[in-house]
Amino acid sequence: MQKKGNRESTIIRKIKYFTNLSGSPEEMVTQVLNGSWRDKVKSNALDAIWQYAEFIGKPIEKVKFRVFDNTEAYVPNPDRLRCFCTE
């Protein structure tokens, strides 16, 4: 039977987000949104920041951040293939 809450691996992952961030929760959100992280990582980091803000008693509004999980494979057009073959 699993207890409610985060697993140890989840806690470690969330702590890793904070190693690259500093300042208030609002400043952390800005740093994440301006960072070069992948969308899913940004989404998880924003959730961690929101939980941290709740924990310290300074709740912030959750940021609406849409994650784009593109499942379609990239297929180049025939002209692009010819370009690769002639190089």
PDB file of N, CA and C in Angstrom:
ATOM      1  N   MET A   1       0.838  -1.182   0.000  1.00  0.00           N
ATOM      2  CA  MET A   1       0.000   0.000   0.000  1.00  0.00           C
ATOM      3  C   MET A   1       0.888   1.252   0.000  1.00  0.00           C
ATOM      4  N   GLN A   2       0.633   2.139  -0.935  1.00  0.00           N
ATOM      5  CA  GLN A   2       1.443   3.346  -1.052  1.00  0.00           C
ATOM      6  C   GLN A   2       0.797   4.494  -0.281  1.00  0.00           C
ATOM      7  N   LYS A   3       1.634   5.251   0.399  1.00  0.00           N
ATOM      8  CA  LYS A   3       1.154   6.410   1.133  1.00  0.00           C
ATOM      9  C   LYS A   3       0.856   7.537   0.160  1.00  0.00           C
ATOM     10  N   LYS A   4       0.069   8.500   0.628  1.00  0.00           N
ATOM     11  CA  LYS A   4      -0.179   9.679  -0.189  1.00  0.00           C
ATOM     12  C   LYS A   4       1.062  10.548  -0.179  1.00  0.00           C
ATOM     13  N   GLY A   5       1.288  11.234  -1.284  1.00  0.00           N
ATOM     14  CA  GLY A   5       2.445  12.121  -1.370  1.00  0.00           C
ATOM     15  C   GLY A   5       3.354  11.735  -2.510  1.00  0.00           C
ATOM     16  N   ASN A   6       4.533  12.302  -2.516  1.00  0.00           N
ATOM     17  CA  ASN A   6       5.503  12.081  -3.578  1.00  0.00           C
ATOM     18  C   ASN A   6       6.459  10.947  -3.233  1.00  0.00           C
ATOM     19  N   ARG A   7       6.841  10.191  -4.270  1.00  0.00           N
ATOM     20  CA  ARG A   7       7.869   9.177  -4.091  1.00  0.00           C
ATOM     21  C   ARG A   7       9.212   9.870  -3.926  1.00  0.00           C
ATOM     22  N   GLU A   8      10.180   9.144  -3.412  1.00  0.00           N
ATOM     23  CA  GLU A   8      11.514   9.707  -3.197  1.00  0.00           C
ATOM     24  C   GLU A   8      12.123  10.177  -4.517  1.00  0.00           C
ATOM     25  N   SER A   9      11.932   9.412  -5.586  1.00  0.00           N
ATOM     26  CA  SER A   9      12.498   9.803  -6.884  1.00  0.00           C
ATOM     27  C   SER A   9      11.859  11.096  -7.395  1.00  0.00           C
ATOM     28  N   THR A  10      10.588  11.301  -7.114  1.00  0.00           N
ATOM     29  CA  THR A  10       9.913  12.531  -7.516  1.00  0.00           C
ATOM     30  C   THR A  10      10.465  13.719  -6.751  1.00  0.00           C
ATOM     31  N   ILE A  11      10.700  13.533  -5.466  1.00  0.00           N
ATOM     32  CA  ILE A  11      11.252  14.607  -4.639  1.00  0.00           C
ATOM     33  C   ILE A  11      12.643  14.995  -5.131  1.00  0.00           C
ATOM     34  N   ILE A  12      13.466  14.003  -5.460  1.00  0.00           N
ATOM     35  CA  ILE A  12      14.822  14.270  -5.959  1.00  0.00           C
ATOM     36  C   ILE A  12      14.752  15.043  -7.275  1.00  0.00           C
ATOM     37  N   ARG A  13      13.840  14.652  -8.166  1.00  0.00           N
ATOM     38  CA  ARG A  13      13.680  15.342  -9.457  1.00  0.00           C
ATOM     39  C   ARG A  13      13.265  16.793  -9.236  1.00  0.00           C
ATOM     40  N   LYS A  14      12.337  17.018  -8.308  1.00  0.00           N
ATOM     41  CA  LYS A  14      11.866  18.381  -8.052  1.00  0.00           C
ATOM     42  C   LYS A  14      12.965  19.237  -7.435  1.00  0.00           C
ATOM     43  N   ILE A  15      13.801  18.653  -6.596  1.00  0.00           N
ATOM     44  CA  ILE A  15      14.899  19.404  -6.000  1.00  0.00           C
ATOM     45  C   ILE A  15      15.900  19.817  -7.077  1.00  0.00           C
ATOM     46  N   LYS A  16      16.106  18.964  -8.087  1.00  0.00           N
ATOM     47  CA  LYS A  16      17.040  19.289  -9.168  1.00  0.00           C
ATOM     48  C   LYS A  16      16.592  20.530  -9.937  1.00  0.00           C
ATOM     49  N   TYR A  17      15.276  20.745 -10.058  1.00  0.00           N
ATOM     50  CA  TYR A  17      14.790  21.946 -10.733  1.00  0.00           C
ATOM     51  C   TYR A  17      15.267  23.197 -10.002  1.00  0.00           C
ATOM     52  N   PHE A  18      15.264  23.145  -8.673  1.00  0.00           N
ATOM     53  CA  PHE A  18      15.588  24.320  -7.880  1.00  0.00           C
ATOM     54  C   PHE A  18      17.086  24.627  -7.859  1.00  0.00           C
ATOM     55  N   THR A  19      17.934  23.699  -8.274  1.00  0.00           N
ATOM     56  CA  THR A  19      19.374  23.983  -8.289  1.00  0.00           C
ATOM     57  C   THR A  19      19.722  25.041  -9.330  1.00  0.00           C
ATOM     58  N   ASN A  20      18.892  25.187 -10.357  1.00  0.00           N
ATOM     59  CA  ASN A  20      19.146  26.163 -11.414  1.00  0.00           C
ATOM     60  C   ASN A  20      18.332  27.440 -11.243  1.00  0.00           C
ATOM     61  N   LEU A  21      17.550  27.538 -10.183  1.00  0.00           N
ATOM     62  CA  LEU A  21      16.658  28.680  -9.997  1.00  0.00           C
ATOM     63  C   LEU A  21      17.012  29.436  -8.731  1.00  0.00           C
ATOM     64  N   SER A  22      16.657  30.716  -8.699  1.00  0.00           N
ATOM     65  CA  SER A  22      16.891  31.516  -7.501  1.00  0.00           C
ATOM     66  C   SER A  22      15.834  32.604  -7.416  1.00  0.00           C
ATOM     67  N   GLY A  23      15.693  33.175  -6.227  1.00  0.00           N
ATOM     68  CA  GLY A  23      14.762  34.273  -6.020  1.00  0.00           C
ATOM     69  C   GLY A  23      13.417  33.806  -5.509  1.00  0.00           C
ATOM     70  N   SER A  24      12.440  34.661  -5.653  1.00  0.00           N
ATOM     71  CA  SER A  24      11.079  34.369  -5.199  1.00  0.00           C
ATOM     72  C   SER A  24      10.410  33.405  -6.178  1.00  0.00           C
ATOM     73  N   PRO A  25       9.293  32.800  -5.781  1.00  0.00           N
ATOM     74  CA  PRO A  25       8.598  31.914  -6.713  1.00  0.00           C
ATOM     75  C   PRO A  25       8.220  32.598  -8.036  1.00  0.00           C
ATOM     76  N   GLU A  26       7.844  33.874  -7.970  1.00  0.00           N
ATOM     77  CA  GLU A  26       7.503  34.587  -9.206  1.00  0.00           C
ATOM     78  C   GLU A  26       8.718  34.712 -10.125  1.00  0.00           C
ATOM     79  N   GLU A  27       9.886  34.995  -9.527  1.00  0.00           N
ATOM     80  CA  GLU A  27      11.116  35.088 -10.323  1.00  0.00           C
ATOM     81  C   GLU A  27      11.495  33.729 -10.896  1.00  0.00           C
ATOM     82  N   MET A  28      11.261  32.675 -10.134  1.00  0.00           N
ATOM     83  CA  MET A  28      11.556  31.322 -10.615  1.00  0.00           C
ATOM     84  C   MET A  28      10.695  30.981 -11.827  1.00  0.00           C
ATOM     85  N   VAL A  29       9.422  31.365 -11.775  1.00  0.00           N
ATOM     86  CA  VAL A  29       8.525  31.104 -12.904  1.00  0.00           C
ATOM     87  C   VAL A  29       9.055  31.797 -14.151  1.00  0.00           C
ATOM     88  N   THR A  30       9.484  33.035 -14.018  1.00  0.00           N
ATOM     89  CA  THR A  30      10.033  33.775 -15.150  1.00  0.00           C
ATOM     90  C   THR A  30      11.287  33.093 -15.694  1.00  0.00           C
ATOM     91  N   GLN A  31      12.140  32.615 -14.797  1.00  0.00           N
ATOM     92  CA  GLN A  31      13.365  31.939 -15.219  1.00  0.00           C
ATOM     93  C   GLN A  31      13.045  30.668 -15.996  1.00  0.00           C
ATOM     94  N   VAL A  32      12.056  29.907 -15.527  1.00  0.00           N
ATOM     95  CA  VAL A  32      11.679  28.665 -16.215  1.00  0.00           C
ATOM     96  C   VAL A  32      11.102  28.979 -17.585  1.00  0.00           C
ATOM     97  N   LEU A  33      10.187  29.943 -17.662  1.00  0.00           N
ATOM     98  CA  LEU A  33       9.545  30.260 -18.936  1.00  0.00           C
ATOM     99  C   LEU A  33      10.541  30.813 -19.952  1.00  0.00           C
ATOM    100  N   ASN A  34      11.570  31.517 -19.501  1.00  0.00           N
ATOM    101  CA  ASN A  34      12.576  32.072 -20.412  1.00  0.00           C
ATOM    102  C   ASN A  34      13.719  31.096 -20.691  1.00  0.00           C
ATOM    103  N   GLY A  35      13.725  29.967 -20.004  1.00  0.00           N
ATOM    104  CA  GLY A  35      14.803  28.992 -20.166  1.00  0.00           C
ATOM    105  C   GLY A  35      14.683  28.193 -21.447  1.00  0.00           C
ATOM    106  N   SER A  36      15.706  27.422 -21.723  1.00  0.00           N
ATOM    107  CA  SER A  36      15.731  26.618 -22.952  1.00  0.00           C
ATOM    108  C   SER A  36      15.368  25.160 -22.675  1.00  0.00           C
ATOM    109  N   TRP A  37      14.622  24.915 -21.614  1.00  0.00           N
ATOM    110  CA  TRP A  37      14.214  23.555 -21.269  1.00  0.00           C
ATOM    111  C   TRP A  37      13.123  23.092 -22.216  1.00  0.00           C
ATOM    112  N   ARG A  38      12.971  21.775 -22.326  1.00  0.00           N
ATOM    113  CA  ARG A  38      11.878  21.207 -23.111  1.00  0.00           C
ATOM    114  C   ARG A  38      10.551  21.547 -22.431  1.00  0.00           C
ATOM    115  N   ASP A  39       9.469  21.541 -23.215  1.00  0.00           N
ATOM    116  CA  ASP A  39       8.158  21.940 -22.704  1.00  0.00           C
ATOM    117  C   ASP A  39       7.699  21.094 -21.531  1.00  0.00           C
ATOM    118  N   LYS A  40       7.889  19.795 -21.604  1.00  0.00           N
ATOM    119  CA  LYS A  40       7.426  18.910 -20.524  1.00  0.00           C
ATOM    120  C   LYS A  40       8.212  19.178 -19.242  1.00  0.00           C
ATOM    121  N   VAL A  41       9.509  19.446 -19.364  1.00  0.00           N
ATOM    122  CA  VAL A  41      10.340  19.755 -18.205  1.00  0.00           C
ATOM    123  C   VAL A  41       9.888  21.085 -17.598  1.00  0.00           C
ATOM    124  N   LYS A  42       9.599  22.062 -18.457  1.00  0.00           N
ATOM    125  CA  LYS A  42       9.099  23.347 -17.972  1.00  0.00           C
ATOM    126  C   LYS A  42       7.793  23.162 -17.199  1.00  0.00           C
ATOM    127  N   SER A  43       6.904  22.358 -17.739  1.00  0.00           N
ATOM    128  CA  SER A  43       5.617  22.114 -17.081  1.00  0.00           C
ATOM    129  C   SER A  43       5.822  21.491 -15.702  1.00  0.00           C
ATOM    130  N   ASN A  44       6.694  20.504 -15.618  1.00  0.00           N
ATOM    131  CA  ASN A  44       6.968  19.854 -14.327  1.00  0.00           C
ATOM    132  C   ASN A  44       7.632  20.819 -13.353  1.00  0.00           C
ATOM    133  N   ALA A  45       8.547  21.649 -13.842  1.00  0.00           N
ATOM    134  CA  ALA A  45       9.224  22.630 -12.983  1.00  0.00           C
ATOM    135  C   ALA A  45       8.225  23.658 -12.465  1.00  0.00           C
ATOM    136  N   LEU A  46       7.299  24.096 -13.305  1.00  0.00           N
ATOM    137  CA  LEU A  46       6.283  25.053 -12.865  1.00  0.00           C
ATOM    138  C   LEU A  46       5.388  24.454 -11.791  1.00  0.00           C
ATOM    139  N   ASP A  47       5.060  23.173 -11.920  1.00  0.00           N
ATOM    140  CA  ASP A  47       4.279  22.497 -10.878  1.00  0.00           C
ATOM    141  C   ASP A  47       5.055  22.452  -9.567  1.00  0.00           C
ATOM    142  N   ALA A  48       6.349  22.170  -9.643  1.00  0.00           N
ATOM    143  CA  ALA A  48       7.179  22.117  -8.438  1.00  0.00           C
ATOM    144  C   ALA A  48       7.252  23.489  -7.769  1.00  0.00           C
ATOM    145  N   ILE A  49       7.386  24.544  -8.568  1.00  0.00           N
ATOM    146  CA  ILE A  49       7.442  25.903  -8.016  1.00  0.00           C
ATOM    147  C   ILE A  49       6.116  26.247  -7.346  1.00  0.00           C
ATOM    148  N   TRP A  50       5.016  25.878  -7.975  1.00  0.00           N
ATOM    149  CA  TRP A  50       3.696  26.139  -7.397  1.00  0.00           C
ATOM    150  C   TRP A  50       3.549  25.431  -6.043  1.00  0.00           C
ATOM    151  N   GLN A  51       3.996  24.179  -5.965  1.00  0.00           N
ATOM    152  CA  GLN A  51       3.936  23.446  -4.700  1.00  0.00           C
ATOM    153  C   GLN A  51       4.836  24.088  -3.645  1.00  0.00           C
ATOM    154  N   TYR A  52       5.998  24.552  -4.054  1.00  0.00           N
ATOM    155  CA  TYR A  52       6.921  25.212  -3.132  1.00  0.00           C
ATOM    156  C   TYR A  52       6.299  26.499  -2.586  1.00  0.00           C
ATOM    157  N   ALA A  53       5.677  27.279  -3.465  1.00  0.00           N
ATOM    158  CA  ALA A  53       5.046  28.526  -3.039  1.00  0.00           C
ATOM    159  C   ALA A  53       3.918  28.251  -2.039  1.00  0.00           C
ATOM    160  N   GLU A  54       3.165  27.199  -2.280  1.00  0.00           N
ATOM    161  CA  GLU A  54       2.108  26.805  -1.331  1.00  0.00           C
ATOM    162  C   GLU A  54       2.726  26.419   0.010  1.00  0.00           C
ATOM    163  N   PHE A  55       3.833  25.698  -0.027  1.00  0.00           N
ATOM    164  CA  PHE A  55       4.489  25.215   1.182  1.00  0.00           C
ATOM    165  C   PHE A  55       5.006  26.367   2.041  1.00  0.00           C
ATOM    166  N   ILE A  56       5.592  27.394   1.405  1.00  0.00           N
ATOM    167  CA  ILE A  56       6.139  28.498   2.185  1.00  0.00           C
ATOM    168  C   ILE A  56       5.068  29.528   2.561  1.00  0.00           C
ATOM    169  N   GLY A  57       3.847  29.306   2.144  1.00  0.00           N
ATOM    170  CA  GLY A  57       2.754  30.192   2.527  1.00  0.00           C
ATOM    171  C   GLY A  57       2.608  31.426   1.663  1.00  0.00           C
ATOM    172  N   LYS A  58       3.207  31.416   0.488  1.00  0.00           N
ATOM    173  CA  LYS A  58       3.080  32.533  -0.447  1.00  0.00           C
ATOM    174  C   LYS A  58       2.565  31.996  -1.775  1.00  0.00           C
ATOM    175  N   PRO A  59       1.298  31.570  -1.797  1.00  0.00           N
ATOM    176  CA  PRO A  59       0.784  30.948  -3.022  1.00  0.00           C
ATOM    177  C   PRO A  59       0.808  31.909  -4.207  1.00  0.00           C
ATOM    178  N   ILE A  60       1.074  31.340  -5.358  1.00  0.00           N
ATOM    179  CA  ILE A  60       1.081  32.105  -6.604  1.00  0.00           C
ATOM    180  C   ILE A  60       0.041  31.484  -7.527  1.00  0.00           C
ATOM    181  N   GLU A  61      -0.371  32.274  -8.510  1.00  0.00           N
ATOM    182  CA  GLU A  61      -1.333  31.768  -9.478  1.00  0.00           C
ATOM    183  C   GLU A  61      -0.642  30.771 -10.396  1.00  0.00           C
ATOM    184  N   LYS A  62      -1.311  29.652 -10.648  1.00  0.00           N
ATOM    185  CA  LYS A  62      -0.729  28.652 -11.545  1.00  0.00           C
ATOM    186  C   LYS A  62      -0.640  29.212 -12.954  1.00  0.00           C
ATOM    187  N   VAL A  63       0.498  29.002 -13.557  1.00  0.00           N
ATOM    188  CA  VAL A  63       0.726  29.484 -14.918  1.00  0.00           C
ATOM    189  C   VAL A  63       0.116  28.490 -15.886  1.00  0.00           C
ATOM    190  N   LYS A  64      -0.620  29.015 -16.850  1.00  0.00           N
ATOM    191  CA  LYS A  64      -1.185  28.142 -17.872  1.00  0.00           C
ATOM    192  C   LYS A  64      -0.125  27.981 -18.959  1.00  0.00           C
ATOM    193  N   PHE A  65       0.485  26.816 -18.976  1.00  0.00           N
ATOM    194  CA  PHE A  65       1.556  26.523 -19.919  1.00  0.00           C
ATOM    195  C   PHE A  65       1.167  25.276 -20.683  1.00  0.00           C
ATOM    196  N   ARG A  66       1.050  25.399 -21.990  1.00  0.00           N
ATOM    197  CA  ARG A  66       0.612  24.273 -22.812  1.00  0.00           C
ATOM    198  C   ARG A  66       1.824  23.508 -23.323  1.00  0.00           C
ATOM    199  N   VAL A  67       1.807  22.206 -23.095  1.00  0.00           N
ATOM    200  CA  VAL A  67       2.886  21.341 -23.553  1.00  0.00           C
ATOM    201  C   VAL A  67       2.518  20.787 -24.920  1.00  0.00           C
ATOM    202  N   PHE A  68       3.430  20.924 -25.854  1.00  0.00           N
ATOM    203  CA  PHE A  68       3.195  20.413 -27.194  1.00  0.00           C
ATOM    204  C   PHE A  68       3.927  19.089 -27.355  1.00  0.00           C
ATOM    205  N   ASP A  69       3.187  18.003 -27.275  1.00  0.00           N
ATOM    206  CA  ASP A  69       3.754  16.675 -27.500  1.00  0.00           C
ATOM    207  C   ASP A  69       3.419  16.278 -28.927  1.00  0.00           C
ATOM    208  N   ASN A  70       4.354  16.510 -29.827  1.00  0.00           N
ATOM    209  CA  ASN A  70       4.143  16.201 -31.222  1.00  0.00           C
ATOM    210  C   ASN A  70       4.473  14.735 -31.455  1.00  0.00           C
ATOM    211  N   THR A  71       3.451  13.938 -31.800  1.00  0.00           N
ATOM    212  CA  THR A  71       3.655  12.504 -32.009  1.00  0.00           C
ATOM    213  C   THR A  71       3.834  12.160 -33.482  1.00  0.00           C
ATOM    214  N   GLU A  72       3.704  13.149 -34.361  1.00  0.00           N
ATOM    215  CA  GLU A  72       3.856  12.886 -35.785  1.00  0.00           C
ATOM    216  C   GLU A  72       5.339  12.842 -36.149  1.00  0.00           C
ATOM    217  N   ALA A  73       5.683  11.911 -36.988  1.00  0.00           N
ATOM    218  CA  ALA A  73       7.065  11.786 -37.434  1.00  0.00           C
ATOM    219  C   ALA A  73       7.361  12.839 -38.497  1.00  0.00           C
ATOM    220  N   TYR A  74       8.574  13.313 -38.519  1.00  0.00           N
ATOM    221  CA  TYR A  74       8.980  14.283 -39.534  1.00  0.00           C
ATOM    222  C   TYR A  74       9.304  13.538 -40.823  1.00  0.00           C
ATOM    223  N   VAL A  75       8.654  13.938 -41.890  1.00  0.00           N
ATOM    224  CA  VAL A  75       8.904  13.345 -43.197  1.00  0.00           C
ATOM    225  C   VAL A  75       9.289  14.480 -44.142  1.00  0.00           C
ATOM    226  N   PRO A  76      10.542  14.512 -44.600  1.00  0.00           N
ATOM    227  CA  PRO A  76      10.948  15.596 -45.500  1.00  0.00           C
ATOM    228  C   PRO A  76      10.303  15.454 -46.871  1.00  0.00           C
ATOM    229  N   ASN A  77      10.133  16.570 -47.552  1.00  0.00           N
ATOM    230  CA  ASN A  77       9.549  16.511 -48.895  1.00  0.00           C
ATOM    231  C   ASN A  77      10.609  16.005 -49.879  1.00  0.00           C
ATOM    232  N   PRO A  78      10.203  15.565 -51.061  1.00  0.00           N
ATOM    233  CA  PRO A  78      11.159  14.990 -52.027  1.00  0.00           C
ATOM    234  C   PRO A  78      12.286  15.944 -52.417  1.00  0.00           C
ATOM    235  N   ASP A  79      12.017  17.242 -52.533  1.00  0.00           N
ATOM    236  CA  ASP A  79      13.069  18.200 -52.879  1.00  0.00           C
ATOM    237  C   ASP A  79      14.153  18.214 -51.812  1.00  0.00           C
ATOM    238  N   ARG A  80      13.760  18.107 -50.584  1.00  0.00           N
ATOM    239  CA  ARG A  80      14.715  18.120 -49.471  1.00  0.00           C
ATOM    240  C   ARG A  80      15.585  16.853 -49.513  1.00  0.00           C
ATOM    241  N   LEU A  81      14.966  15.715 -49.858  1.00  0.00           N
ATOM    242  CA  LEU A  81      15.731  14.472 -49.970  1.00  0.00           C
ATOM    243  C   LEU A  81      16.773  14.567 -51.073  1.00  0.00           C
ATOM    244  N   ARG A  82      16.399  15.151 -52.212  1.00  0.00           N
ATOM    245  CA  ARG A  82      17.354  15.306 -53.327  1.00  0.00           C
ATOM    246  C   ARG A  82      18.515  16.176 -52.900  1.00  0.00           C
ATOM    247  N   CYS A  83      18.249  17.151 -52.077  1.00  0.00           N
ATOM    248  CA  CYS A  83      19.304  18.049 -51.616  1.00  0.00           C
ATOM    249  C   CYS A  83      20.327  17.273 -50.780  1.00  0.00           C
ATOM    250  N   PHE A  84      19.850  16.371 -49.916  1.00  0.00           N
ATOM    251  CA  PHE A  84      20.752  15.572 -49.093  1.00  0.00           C
ATOM    252  C   PHE A  84      21.572  14.592 -49.931  1.00  0.00           C
ATOM    253  N   CYS A  85      20.961  14.048 -50.982  1.00  0.00           N
ATOM    254  CA  CYS A  85      21.639  13.028 -51.776  1.00  0.00           C
ATOM    255  C   CYS A  85      22.749  13.626 -52.651  1.00  0.00           C
ATOM    256  N   THR A  86      22.618  14.853 -53.070  1.00  0.00           N
ATOM    257  CA  THR A  86      23.598  15.444 -53.967  1.00  0.00           C
ATOM    258  C   THR A  86      24.779  16.060 -53.231  1.00  0.00           C
ATOM    259  N   GLU A  87      24.683  16.185 -51.931  1.00  0.00           N
ATOM    260  CA  GLU A  87      25.772  16.807 -51.166  1.00  0.00           C
ATOM    261  C   GLU A  87      26.921  15.873 -50.940  1.00  0.00           C
TER     262      GLU A  87
END
